């Protein structure tokens, strides 16, 4: 490593003290580079661990929401909607779609900043400032440490890009031809009463 950082044209008559300084600096630079690489690798591994622990792929991978095996690349989004409004006869529910979390800049989050990813995770507010993530458990993610949130964001920014466009969310009453599932909208008690819970 040290040999590589010394210029090939280094004069043979270079004073010994100066040569020693060059070699020490090269050694320090290589040491710092190795430390940076080790730290970056640790953050990446922590991010991957957290993404798996939080089961992000269970919504953001095609197939899983319907109880099937993965039918598209991991974290590339799902075209199966998640209903986020109460069941009303004859009225199409509002649907949210788990987006493409790969680093693709057009259809994924490749052009998002780490701060935008962290904000979406902890507030449910999308990149353009409107709440379009009504079914994501963002309130739970506010309990994560800042270092874990950053690790998740950095990991997602490095997930290989997959060009895969996911449908936009729809409001209640808007038509959609996409299949959907429903969960997390009701509370049940032993007497059989059913109540819709207030959306965040």
N, C-alpha and C. Protein backbone atom coordinates (compact mmCIF):
# COMPACT_ATOMS: atom_id res chain seq x y z
N UNK A 1 0.83 -1.20 0.00
CA UNK A 1 0.00 0.00 0.00
C UNK A 1 0.87 1.26 0.00
N UNK A 2 1.92 1.28 0.86
CA UNK A 2 2.78 2.45 0.93
C UNK A 2 3.52 2.66 -0.38
N UNK A 3 3.98 1.57 -0.97
CA UNK A 3 4.71 1.67 -2.23
C UNK A 3 3.86 2.36 -3.29
N UNK A 4 2.56 2.12 -3.30
CA UNK A 4 1.68 2.68 -4.32
C UNK A 4 1.49 4.18 -4.15
N UNK A 5 1.69 4.73 -2.94
CA UNK A 5 1.41 6.15 -2.75
C UNK A 5 2.65 7.02 -2.92
N UNK A 6 3.80 6.43 -3.15
CA UNK A 6 5.01 7.20 -3.37
C UNK A 6 5.17 7.43 -4.86
N UNK A 7 5.30 8.69 -5.31
CA UNK A 7 5.43 8.96 -6.75
C UNK A 7 6.59 8.19 -7.37
N UNK A 8 6.34 7.74 -8.59
CA UNK A 8 7.37 6.97 -9.30
C UNK A 8 8.59 7.83 -9.59
N UNK A 9 8.40 9.17 -9.66
CA UNK A 9 9.50 10.07 -10.00
C UNK A 9 10.17 10.66 -8.77
N UNK A 10 9.97 10.07 -7.61
CA UNK A 10 10.55 10.58 -6.38
C UNK A 10 12.07 10.62 -6.52
N UNK A 11 12.71 11.78 -6.30
CA UNK A 11 14.16 11.89 -6.47
C UNK A 11 14.90 10.95 -5.54
N UNK A 12 15.95 10.35 -6.05
CA UNK A 12 16.74 9.41 -5.25
C UNK A 12 17.47 10.12 -4.12
N UNK A 13 17.69 11.46 -4.29
CA UNK A 13 18.45 12.22 -3.30
C UNK A 13 17.55 12.88 -2.26
N UNK A 14 16.28 12.53 -2.21
CA UNK A 14 15.36 13.14 -1.25
C UNK A 14 15.88 12.92 0.16
N UNK A 15 15.96 13.98 0.98
CA UNK A 15 16.46 13.83 2.36
C UNK A 15 15.71 12.75 3.11
N UNK A 16 16.40 12.04 3.97
CA UNK A 16 15.80 10.93 4.69
C UNK A 16 14.63 11.37 5.55
N UNK A 17 14.74 12.56 6.16
CA UNK A 17 13.65 13.03 7.03
C UNK A 17 12.39 13.32 6.23
N UNK A 18 12.56 13.91 5.04
CA UNK A 18 11.40 14.20 4.19
C UNK A 18 10.78 12.92 3.66
N UNK A 19 11.64 11.97 3.28
CA UNK A 19 11.13 10.69 2.81
C UNK A 19 10.34 9.98 3.90
N UNK A 20 10.83 10.06 5.12
CA UNK A 20 10.12 9.43 6.24
C UNK A 20 8.77 10.08 6.44
N UNK A 21 8.71 11.41 6.29
CA UNK A 21 7.44 12.13 6.44
C UNK A 21 6.44 11.70 5.38
N UNK A 22 6.90 11.58 4.13
CA UNK A 22 6.02 11.14 3.04
C UNK A 22 5.47 9.77 3.33
N UNK A 23 6.33 8.87 3.79
CA UNK A 23 5.89 7.51 4.06
C UNK A 23 4.90 7.46 5.21
N UNK A 24 5.11 8.27 6.22
CA UNK A 24 4.18 8.31 7.36
C UNK A 24 2.83 8.84 6.92
N UNK A 25 2.86 9.92 6.13
CA UNK A 25 1.59 10.49 5.64
C UNK A 25 0.83 9.50 4.78
N UNK A 26 1.54 8.79 3.93
CA UNK A 26 0.89 7.78 3.10
C UNK A 26 0.26 6.70 3.96
N UNK A 27 1.00 6.27 4.98
CA UNK A 27 0.47 5.26 5.88
C UNK A 27 -0.76 5.74 6.60
N UNK A 28 -0.75 7.02 7.06
CA UNK A 28 -1.93 7.58 7.74
C UNK A 28 -3.12 7.66 6.81
N UNK A 29 -2.86 8.08 5.56
CA UNK A 29 -3.96 8.20 4.60
C UNK A 29 -4.60 6.84 4.34
N UNK A 30 -3.76 5.84 4.16
CA UNK A 30 -4.30 4.50 3.93
C UNK A 30 -5.07 4.00 5.14
N UNK A 31 -4.58 4.33 6.34
CA UNK A 31 -5.26 3.91 7.57
C UNK A 31 -6.62 4.56 7.68
N UNK A 32 -6.69 5.88 7.39
CA UNK A 32 -7.96 6.60 7.46
C UNK A 32 -8.94 6.04 6.43
N UNK A 33 -8.43 5.76 5.21
CA UNK A 33 -9.29 5.22 4.16
C UNK A 33 -9.88 3.89 4.59
N UNK A 34 -9.05 3.03 5.19
CA UNK A 34 -9.55 1.74 5.66
C UNK A 34 -10.59 1.91 6.76
N UNK A 35 -10.37 2.88 7.66
CA UNK A 35 -11.33 3.14 8.72
C UNK A 35 -12.67 3.62 8.14
N UNK A 36 -12.58 4.52 7.15
CA UNK A 36 -13.80 5.03 6.51
C UNK A 36 -14.56 3.90 5.83
N UNK A 37 -13.84 3.03 5.14
CA UNK A 37 -14.48 1.91 4.45
C UNK A 37 -15.12 0.95 5.44
N UNK A 38 -14.44 0.71 6.56
CA UNK A 38 -14.99 -0.18 7.59
C UNK A 38 -16.25 0.42 8.19
N UNK A 39 -16.22 1.72 8.44
CA UNK A 39 -17.40 2.39 9.02
C UNK A 39 -18.56 2.37 8.04
N UNK A 40 -18.28 2.66 6.76
CA UNK A 40 -19.34 2.65 5.75
C UNK A 40 -19.95 1.26 5.62
N UNK A 41 -19.10 0.25 5.68
CA UNK A 41 -19.59 -1.13 5.60
C UNK A 41 -20.46 -1.47 6.79
N UNK A 42 -20.07 -1.00 7.98
CA UNK A 42 -20.85 -1.27 9.19
C UNK A 42 -22.22 -0.59 9.12
N UNK A 43 -22.25 0.64 8.61
CA UNK A 43 -23.52 1.36 8.48
C UNK A 43 -24.42 0.64 7.48
N UNK A 44 -23.85 0.20 6.36
CA UNK A 44 -24.62 -0.51 5.35
C UNK A 44 -25.21 -1.80 5.93
N UNK A 45 -24.40 -2.54 6.67
CA UNK A 45 -24.88 -3.79 7.26
C UNK A 45 -25.98 -3.52 8.29
N UNK A 46 -25.81 -2.45 9.07
CA UNK A 46 -26.84 -2.09 10.04
C UNK A 46 -28.14 -1.71 9.34
N UNK A 47 -28.03 -0.96 8.24
CA UNK A 47 -29.22 -0.58 7.48
C UNK A 47 -29.94 -1.78 6.92
N UNK A 48 -29.18 -2.71 6.36
CA UNK A 48 -29.78 -3.93 5.82
C UNK A 48 -30.48 -4.72 6.93
N UNK A 49 -29.82 -4.81 8.08
CA UNK A 49 -30.41 -5.52 9.21
C UNK A 49 -31.72 -4.88 9.64
N UNK A 50 -31.75 -3.54 9.72
CA UNK A 50 -32.95 -2.84 10.17
C UNK A 50 -34.09 -2.99 9.15
N UNK A 51 -33.76 -2.91 7.87
CA UNK A 51 -34.79 -3.08 6.83
C UNK A 51 -35.42 -4.46 6.92
N UNK A 52 -34.61 -5.47 7.18
CA UNK A 52 -35.13 -6.82 7.33
C UNK A 52 -35.91 -6.97 8.64
N UNK A 53 -35.41 -6.37 9.71
CA UNK A 53 -36.08 -6.45 11.00
C UNK A 53 -37.45 -5.79 10.96
N UNK A 54 -37.54 -4.66 10.29
CA UNK A 54 -38.81 -3.93 10.18
C UNK A 54 -39.72 -4.52 9.11
N UNK A 55 -39.24 -5.52 8.40
CA UNK A 55 -40.03 -6.22 7.37
C UNK A 55 -40.54 -5.27 6.29
N UNK A 56 -39.70 -4.34 5.89
CA UNK A 56 -40.11 -3.40 4.83
C UNK A 56 -40.53 -4.13 3.56
N UNK A 57 -39.84 -5.21 3.27
CA UNK A 57 -40.13 -5.95 2.05
C UNK A 57 -41.48 -6.63 2.04
N UNK A 58 -42.09 -6.82 3.20
CA UNK A 58 -43.39 -7.50 3.25
C UNK A 58 -44.48 -6.67 2.57
N UNK A 59 -44.32 -5.37 2.52
CA UNK A 59 -45.27 -4.53 1.78
C UNK A 59 -44.66 -4.07 0.46
N UNK A 60 -43.36 -3.80 0.47
CA UNK A 60 -42.72 -3.18 -0.69
C UNK A 60 -42.15 -4.18 -1.69
N UNK A 61 -42.59 -5.43 -1.62
CA UNK A 61 -42.19 -6.44 -2.60
C UNK A 61 -43.44 -7.10 -3.17
N UNK A 62 -43.55 -7.14 -4.48
CA UNK A 62 -44.72 -7.71 -5.15
C UNK A 62 -44.95 -9.15 -4.72
N UNK A 63 -46.21 -9.47 -4.38
CA UNK A 63 -46.59 -10.83 -4.04
C UNK A 63 -46.87 -11.05 -2.57
N UNK A 64 -46.09 -10.42 -1.71
CA UNK A 64 -46.21 -10.70 -0.28
C UNK A 64 -47.53 -10.26 0.33
N UNK A 65 -48.09 -9.14 -0.13
CA UNK A 65 -49.34 -8.65 0.45
C UNK A 65 -50.50 -9.63 0.24
N UNK A 66 -50.40 -10.46 -0.78
CA UNK A 66 -51.46 -11.43 -1.05
C UNK A 66 -51.09 -12.82 -0.55
N UNK A 67 -50.03 -12.88 0.24
CA UNK A 67 -49.64 -14.15 0.83
C UNK A 67 -48.87 -15.06 -0.10
N UNK A 68 -48.36 -14.53 -1.19
CA UNK A 68 -47.62 -15.33 -2.15
C UNK A 68 -46.12 -15.15 -1.96
N UNK A 69 -45.35 -15.90 -2.73
CA UNK A 69 -43.91 -15.68 -2.77
C UNK A 69 -43.63 -14.39 -3.55
N UNK A 70 -42.42 -13.89 -3.40
CA UNK A 70 -42.04 -12.67 -4.12
C UNK A 70 -42.19 -12.89 -5.62
N UNK A 71 -42.83 -11.94 -6.29
CA UNK A 71 -43.07 -12.04 -7.73
C UNK A 71 -42.35 -10.95 -8.52
N UNK A 72 -41.48 -10.23 -7.84
CA UNK A 72 -40.67 -9.18 -8.46
C UNK A 72 -39.47 -8.96 -7.55
N UNK A 73 -38.48 -8.21 -8.00
CA UNK A 73 -37.31 -7.97 -7.16
C UNK A 73 -37.67 -7.38 -5.80
N UNK A 74 -36.90 -7.71 -4.79
CA UNK A 74 -37.14 -7.21 -3.44
C UNK A 74 -37.12 -5.70 -3.39
N UNK A 75 -38.09 -5.14 -2.67
CA UNK A 75 -38.20 -3.71 -2.38
C UNK A 75 -38.52 -2.87 -3.62
N UNK A 76 -38.92 -3.52 -4.71
CA UNK A 76 -39.24 -2.78 -5.94
C UNK A 76 -40.70 -2.36 -6.00
N UNK A 77 -41.41 -2.45 -4.87
CA UNK A 77 -42.78 -1.94 -4.81
C UNK A 77 -43.83 -2.99 -5.10
N UNK A 78 -45.09 -2.64 -4.79
CA UNK A 78 -46.21 -3.55 -4.98
C UNK A 78 -47.35 -2.85 -5.70
N UNK A 79 -47.94 -3.54 -6.67
CA UNK A 79 -49.09 -2.99 -7.39
C UNK A 79 -50.40 -3.40 -6.73
N UNK A 80 -50.32 -4.08 -5.58
CA UNK A 80 -51.51 -4.40 -4.80
C UNK A 80 -51.74 -3.26 -3.81
N UNK A 81 -52.90 -2.66 -3.86
CA UNK A 81 -53.18 -1.54 -2.99
C UNK A 81 -53.49 -1.96 -1.56
N UNK A 82 -53.40 -1.02 -0.66
CA UNK A 82 -53.78 -1.21 0.74
C UNK A 82 -54.87 -0.19 1.05
N UNK A 83 -56.06 -0.68 1.37
CA UNK A 83 -57.18 0.23 1.65
C UNK A 83 -56.92 0.98 2.95
N UNK A 84 -57.16 2.29 2.93
CA UNK A 84 -56.94 3.08 4.14
C UNK A 84 -58.18 3.86 4.57
N UNK A 85 -59.33 3.56 3.96
CA UNK A 85 -60.58 4.18 4.40
C UNK A 85 -61.57 3.07 4.74
N UNK A 86 -62.59 3.37 5.55
CA UNK A 86 -63.56 2.34 5.96
C UNK A 86 -64.28 1.71 4.77
N UNK A 87 -64.77 0.51 4.99
CA UNK A 87 -65.52 -0.22 3.96
C UNK A 87 -66.92 0.37 3.85
N UNK A 88 -67.24 0.99 2.74
CA UNK A 88 -68.56 1.57 2.52
C UNK A 88 -69.16 0.93 1.27
N UNK A 89 -70.37 0.47 1.38
CA UNK A 89 -71.02 -0.23 0.27
C UNK A 89 -71.06 0.64 -0.97
N UNK A 90 -70.56 0.08 -2.07
CA UNK A 90 -70.63 0.78 -3.35
C UNK A 90 -69.61 1.88 -3.53
N UNK A 91 -68.72 2.07 -2.57
CA UNK A 91 -67.73 3.14 -2.67
C UNK A 91 -66.32 2.54 -2.67
N UNK A 92 -65.57 2.89 -3.67
CA UNK A 92 -64.19 2.41 -3.75
C UNK A 92 -63.37 3.01 -2.62
N UNK A 93 -62.67 2.19 -1.84
CA UNK A 93 -61.87 2.76 -0.75
C UNK A 93 -60.65 3.49 -1.28
N UNK A 94 -60.11 4.36 -0.47
CA UNK A 94 -58.84 4.98 -0.81
C UNK A 94 -57.75 3.93 -0.75
N UNK A 95 -56.85 3.95 -1.69
CA UNK A 95 -55.80 2.94 -1.76
C UNK A 95 -54.41 3.58 -1.72
N UNK A 96 -53.56 3.00 -0.92
CA UNK A 96 -52.15 3.38 -0.92
C UNK A 96 -51.34 2.23 -1.49
N UNK A 97 -50.27 2.55 -2.17
CA UNK A 97 -49.43 1.51 -2.78
C UNK A 97 -48.01 1.64 -2.23
N UNK A 98 -47.47 0.51 -1.81
CA UNK A 98 -46.10 0.49 -1.28
C UNK A 98 -45.13 0.73 -2.42
N UNK A 99 -44.41 1.82 -2.34
CA UNK A 99 -43.59 2.27 -3.45
C UNK A 99 -42.32 1.49 -3.69
N UNK A 100 -41.67 1.83 -4.78
CA UNK A 100 -40.40 1.25 -5.18
C UNK A 100 -39.30 1.89 -4.33
N UNK A 101 -38.65 1.08 -3.49
CA UNK A 101 -37.61 1.59 -2.60
C UNK A 101 -36.20 1.36 -3.12
N UNK A 102 -36.08 0.92 -4.37
CA UNK A 102 -34.74 0.73 -4.92
C UNK A 102 -34.15 2.08 -5.32
N UNK A 103 -32.90 2.08 -5.72
CA UNK A 103 -32.20 3.32 -6.03
C UNK A 103 -32.46 3.84 -7.44
N UNK A 104 -33.45 3.28 -8.13
CA UNK A 104 -33.79 3.80 -9.46
C UNK A 104 -34.24 5.25 -9.33
N UNK A 105 -33.66 6.13 -10.14
CA UNK A 105 -33.95 7.56 -9.99
C UNK A 105 -35.29 7.97 -10.56
N UNK A 106 -35.81 7.20 -11.50
CA UNK A 106 -37.08 7.57 -12.12
C UNK A 106 -38.28 6.98 -11.37
N UNK A 107 -38.21 5.72 -11.01
CA UNK A 107 -39.37 5.05 -10.41
C UNK A 107 -39.14 4.67 -8.94
N UNK A 108 -37.91 4.82 -8.46
CA UNK A 108 -37.61 4.50 -7.07
C UNK A 108 -37.26 5.74 -6.27
N UNK A 109 -36.36 5.58 -5.31
CA UNK A 109 -35.99 6.71 -4.44
C UNK A 109 -34.53 7.11 -4.65
N UNK A 110 -34.01 6.78 -5.82
CA UNK A 110 -32.61 7.10 -6.10
C UNK A 110 -32.30 8.58 -6.06
N UNK A 111 -33.28 9.42 -6.38
CA UNK A 111 -33.04 10.87 -6.38
C UNK A 111 -33.42 11.52 -5.05
N UNK A 112 -33.94 10.73 -4.10
CA UNK A 112 -34.26 11.26 -2.78
C UNK A 112 -32.98 11.48 -1.98
N UNK A 113 -33.00 12.47 -1.10
CA UNK A 113 -31.90 12.64 -0.17
C UNK A 113 -32.13 11.75 1.05
N UNK A 114 -31.07 11.53 1.81
CA UNK A 114 -31.23 10.75 3.04
C UNK A 114 -32.22 11.42 3.97
N UNK A 115 -32.19 12.75 4.04
CA UNK A 115 -33.11 13.48 4.92
C UNK A 115 -34.56 13.28 4.50
N UNK A 116 -34.82 13.24 3.19
CA UNK A 116 -36.19 13.02 2.71
C UNK A 116 -36.67 11.62 3.06
N UNK A 117 -35.79 10.64 2.98
CA UNK A 117 -36.16 9.28 3.34
C UNK A 117 -36.48 9.19 4.82
N UNK A 118 -35.63 9.80 5.65
CA UNK A 118 -35.87 9.79 7.09
C UNK A 118 -37.17 10.50 7.43
N UNK A 119 -37.45 11.62 6.78
CA UNK A 119 -38.70 12.33 7.06
C UNK A 119 -39.91 11.48 6.70
N UNK A 120 -39.86 10.80 5.56
CA UNK A 120 -40.97 9.95 5.16
C UNK A 120 -41.18 8.82 6.16
N UNK A 121 -40.08 8.29 6.68
CA UNK A 121 -40.19 7.19 7.63
C UNK A 121 -40.76 7.62 8.97
N UNK A 122 -40.49 8.85 9.37
CA UNK A 122 -40.86 9.28 10.72
C UNK A 122 -42.05 10.23 10.77
N UNK A 123 -42.58 10.61 9.61
CA UNK A 123 -43.72 11.53 9.62
C UNK A 123 -44.83 11.10 8.67
N UNK A 124 -44.53 10.14 7.78
CA UNK A 124 -45.52 9.74 6.80
C UNK A 124 -45.71 10.75 5.70
N UNK A 125 -44.84 11.76 5.65
CA UNK A 125 -44.94 12.81 4.63
C UNK A 125 -44.00 12.48 3.49
N UNK A 126 -44.55 12.46 2.28
CA UNK A 126 -43.76 12.13 1.11
C UNK A 126 -42.81 13.24 0.72
N UNK A 127 -42.08 13.00 -0.34
CA UNK A 127 -41.03 13.93 -0.77
C UNK A 127 -41.57 15.32 -1.10
N UNK A 128 -42.77 15.38 -1.66
CA UNK A 128 -43.32 16.66 -2.08
C UNK A 128 -44.12 17.36 -0.99
N UNK A 129 -44.03 16.84 0.22
CA UNK A 129 -44.64 17.54 1.35
C UNK A 129 -46.08 17.20 1.65
N UNK A 130 -46.66 16.20 1.00
CA UNK A 130 -48.04 15.84 1.32
C UNK A 130 -48.08 14.44 1.90
N UNK A 131 -49.07 14.21 2.77
CA UNK A 131 -49.16 12.93 3.45
C UNK A 131 -49.77 11.91 2.50
N UNK A 132 -48.94 11.03 1.98
CA UNK A 132 -49.43 10.03 1.05
C UNK A 132 -49.06 8.62 1.50
N UNK A 133 -48.68 8.52 2.77
CA UNK A 133 -48.26 7.23 3.31
C UNK A 133 -49.14 6.86 4.50
N UNK A 134 -50.45 6.84 4.33
CA UNK A 134 -51.35 6.68 5.48
C UNK A 134 -51.30 5.33 6.15
N UNK A 135 -50.80 4.30 5.48
CA UNK A 135 -50.81 2.97 6.08
C UNK A 135 -49.43 2.53 6.56
N UNK A 136 -48.41 3.30 6.29
CA UNK A 136 -47.08 2.94 6.76
C UNK A 136 -46.99 3.24 8.26
N UNK A 137 -46.46 2.34 9.04
CA UNK A 137 -46.40 2.55 10.50
C UNK A 137 -45.32 3.55 10.91
N UNK A 138 -45.38 4.74 10.32
CA UNK A 138 -44.33 5.73 10.57
C UNK A 138 -44.28 6.15 12.03
N UNK A 139 -45.44 6.13 12.71
CA UNK A 139 -45.43 6.53 14.13
C UNK A 139 -44.52 5.63 14.95
N UNK A 140 -44.46 4.35 14.58
CA UNK A 140 -43.57 3.43 15.28
C UNK A 140 -42.10 3.75 15.01
N UNK A 141 -41.84 4.22 13.81
CA UNK A 141 -40.45 4.46 13.42
C UNK A 141 -39.86 5.69 14.10
N UNK A 142 -40.70 6.52 14.71
CA UNK A 142 -40.16 7.67 15.44
C UNK A 142 -39.37 7.23 16.66
N UNK A 143 -39.55 5.97 17.07
CA UNK A 143 -38.81 5.45 18.22
C UNK A 143 -37.41 4.98 17.82
N UNK A 144 -37.13 4.92 16.53
CA UNK A 144 -35.80 4.50 16.08
C UNK A 144 -34.78 5.59 16.38
N UNK A 145 -33.55 5.18 16.61
CA UNK A 145 -32.49 6.16 16.82
C UNK A 145 -32.14 6.84 15.50
N UNK A 146 -31.59 8.03 15.60
CA UNK A 146 -31.20 8.75 14.39
C UNK A 146 -30.17 7.96 13.59
N UNK A 147 -29.27 7.30 14.30
CA UNK A 147 -28.23 6.53 13.60
C UNK A 147 -28.84 5.36 12.84
N UNK A 148 -29.87 4.73 13.39
CA UNK A 148 -30.54 3.63 12.68
C UNK A 148 -31.31 4.15 11.48
N UNK A 149 -31.96 5.30 11.62
CA UNK A 149 -32.70 5.88 10.51
C UNK A 149 -31.75 6.23 9.36
N UNK A 150 -30.61 6.80 9.70
CA UNK A 150 -29.62 7.14 8.66
C UNK A 150 -29.07 5.88 8.01
N UNK A 151 -28.85 4.85 8.82
CA UNK A 151 -28.35 3.59 8.26
C UNK A 151 -29.35 3.00 7.28
N UNK A 152 -30.63 3.06 7.62
CA UNK A 152 -31.67 2.57 6.71
C UNK A 152 -31.66 3.36 5.41
N UNK A 153 -31.61 4.69 5.54
CA UNK A 153 -31.63 5.55 4.36
C UNK A 153 -30.42 5.26 3.46
N UNK A 154 -29.26 5.11 4.06
CA UNK A 154 -28.05 4.86 3.27
C UNK A 154 -28.10 3.49 2.61
N UNK A 155 -28.65 2.52 3.31
CA UNK A 155 -28.78 1.19 2.71
C UNK A 155 -29.73 1.24 1.51
N UNK A 156 -30.89 1.88 1.69
CA UNK A 156 -31.86 1.95 0.60
C UNK A 156 -31.29 2.69 -0.61
N UNK A 157 -30.48 3.70 -0.37
CA UNK A 157 -29.88 4.45 -1.48
C UNK A 157 -28.92 3.59 -2.29
N UNK A 158 -28.54 2.43 -1.72
CA UNK A 158 -27.59 1.56 -2.40
C UNK A 158 -28.20 0.24 -2.86
N UNK A 159 -29.50 0.10 -2.67
CA UNK A 159 -30.17 -1.09 -3.22
C UNK A 159 -30.14 -0.98 -4.74
N UNK A 160 -29.70 -2.01 -5.45
CA UNK A 160 -29.59 -1.93 -6.92
C UNK A 160 -30.89 -1.41 -7.55
N UNK A 161 -30.77 -0.51 -8.51
CA UNK A 161 -31.97 0.10 -9.12
C UNK A 161 -32.80 -0.90 -9.91
N UNK A 162 -34.10 -0.79 -9.75
CA UNK A 162 -35.05 -1.58 -10.53
C UNK A 162 -36.07 -0.60 -11.10
N UNK A 163 -36.15 -0.52 -12.41
CA UNK A 163 -37.11 0.38 -13.05
C UNK A 163 -38.48 -0.29 -13.02
N UNK A 164 -39.33 0.18 -12.12
CA UNK A 164 -40.65 -0.44 -11.95
C UNK A 164 -41.60 0.60 -11.38
N UNK A 165 -42.51 1.04 -12.22
CA UNK A 165 -43.43 2.10 -11.80
C UNK A 165 -44.61 1.52 -11.03
N UNK A 166 -44.92 2.13 -9.91
CA UNK A 166 -45.99 1.70 -9.02
C UNK A 166 -47.14 2.69 -9.11
N UNK A 167 -48.41 2.21 -9.07
CA UNK A 167 -49.55 3.13 -9.17
C UNK A 167 -49.53 4.20 -8.09
N UNK A 168 -50.10 5.35 -8.40
CA UNK A 168 -50.25 6.42 -7.42
C UNK A 168 -51.39 6.08 -6.47
N UNK A 169 -51.31 6.58 -5.27
CA UNK A 169 -52.39 6.39 -4.31
C UNK A 169 -53.67 7.04 -4.82
N UNK A 170 -54.81 6.50 -4.41
CA UNK A 170 -56.10 7.06 -4.79
C UNK A 170 -56.89 7.44 -3.55
N UNK A 171 -57.77 8.40 -3.68
CA UNK A 171 -58.65 8.81 -2.59
C UNK A 171 -59.92 7.97 -2.61
N UNK A 172 -60.63 8.00 -1.52
CA UNK A 172 -61.90 7.28 -1.45
C UNK A 172 -62.84 7.76 -2.55
N UNK A 173 -63.45 6.82 -3.25
CA UNK A 173 -64.38 7.15 -4.32
C UNK A 173 -63.75 7.21 -5.69
N UNK A 174 -62.42 7.29 -5.76
CA UNK A 174 -61.75 7.29 -7.05
C UNK A 174 -61.62 5.85 -7.56
N UNK A 175 -61.84 5.67 -8.85
CA UNK A 175 -61.81 4.33 -9.41
C UNK A 175 -60.38 3.83 -9.53
N UNK A 176 -60.23 2.52 -9.38
CA UNK A 176 -58.93 1.88 -9.55
C UNK A 176 -59.18 0.43 -9.95
N UNK A 177 -58.41 -0.04 -10.89
CA UNK A 177 -58.53 -1.43 -11.33
C UNK A 177 -57.56 -2.35 -10.60
N UNK A 178 -56.81 -1.80 -9.64
CA UNK A 178 -55.81 -2.59 -8.94
C UNK A 178 -56.44 -3.41 -7.82
N UNK A 179 -55.98 -4.64 -7.62
CA UNK A 179 -56.45 -5.42 -6.47
C UNK A 179 -55.96 -4.76 -5.19
N UNK A 180 -56.64 -5.05 -4.09
CA UNK A 180 -56.20 -4.44 -2.83
C UNK A 180 -56.49 -5.34 -1.65
N UNK A 181 -55.80 -5.07 -0.57
CA UNK A 181 -56.03 -5.76 0.70
C UNK A 181 -56.45 -4.71 1.72
N UNK A 182 -56.95 -5.20 2.83
CA UNK A 182 -57.39 -4.28 3.88
C UNK A 182 -56.91 -4.81 5.22
N UNK A 183 -56.26 -3.96 5.98
CA UNK A 183 -55.87 -4.36 7.33
C UNK A 183 -55.59 -3.12 8.16
N UNK A 184 -55.66 -3.31 9.46
CA UNK A 184 -55.30 -2.24 10.38
C UNK A 184 -56.28 -1.10 10.49
N UNK A 185 -57.52 -1.28 9.99
CA UNK A 185 -58.48 -0.18 10.02
C UNK A 185 -59.57 -0.37 11.06
N UNK A 186 -59.61 -1.52 11.68
CA UNK A 186 -60.70 -1.81 12.59
C UNK A 186 -60.19 -2.30 13.93
N UNK A 187 -60.98 -2.04 14.97
CA UNK A 187 -60.72 -2.61 16.28
C UNK A 187 -61.92 -3.46 16.66
N UNK A 188 -61.67 -4.61 17.27
CA UNK A 188 -62.74 -5.53 17.63
C UNK A 188 -62.73 -5.75 19.14
N UNK A 189 -63.91 -5.96 19.72
CA UNK A 189 -63.98 -6.30 21.13
C UNK A 189 -64.79 -7.59 21.29
N UNK A 190 -64.75 -8.22 22.50
CA UNK A 190 -65.41 -9.51 22.68
C UNK A 190 -66.92 -9.48 22.43
N UNK A 191 -67.54 -8.31 22.54
CA UNK A 191 -68.99 -8.21 22.32
C UNK A 191 -69.33 -8.13 20.83
N UNK A 192 -68.33 -8.11 20.00
CA UNK A 192 -68.58 -8.12 18.57
C UNK A 192 -68.77 -6.77 17.93
N UNK A 193 -68.60 -5.71 18.72
CA UNK A 193 -68.74 -4.39 18.13
C UNK A 193 -67.48 -4.07 17.31
N UNK A 194 -67.70 -3.40 16.23
CA UNK A 194 -66.59 -3.04 15.34
C UNK A 194 -66.53 -1.54 15.20
N UNK A 195 -65.35 -0.99 15.33
CA UNK A 195 -65.18 0.44 15.17
C UNK A 195 -64.02 0.69 14.22
N UNK A 196 -64.17 1.71 13.41
CA UNK A 196 -63.04 2.10 12.57
C UNK A 196 -62.14 2.98 13.42
N UNK A 197 -60.84 2.78 13.30
CA UNK A 197 -59.93 3.61 14.07
C UNK A 197 -59.63 4.88 13.28
N UNK A 198 -59.30 5.93 14.00
CA UNK A 198 -58.98 7.19 13.35
C UNK A 198 -57.64 7.09 12.67
N UNK A 199 -57.57 7.53 11.43
CA UNK A 199 -56.33 7.48 10.70
C UNK A 199 -55.38 8.56 11.22
N UNK A 200 -54.09 8.33 11.22
CA UNK A 200 -53.14 9.34 11.70
C UNK A 200 -53.13 10.55 10.80
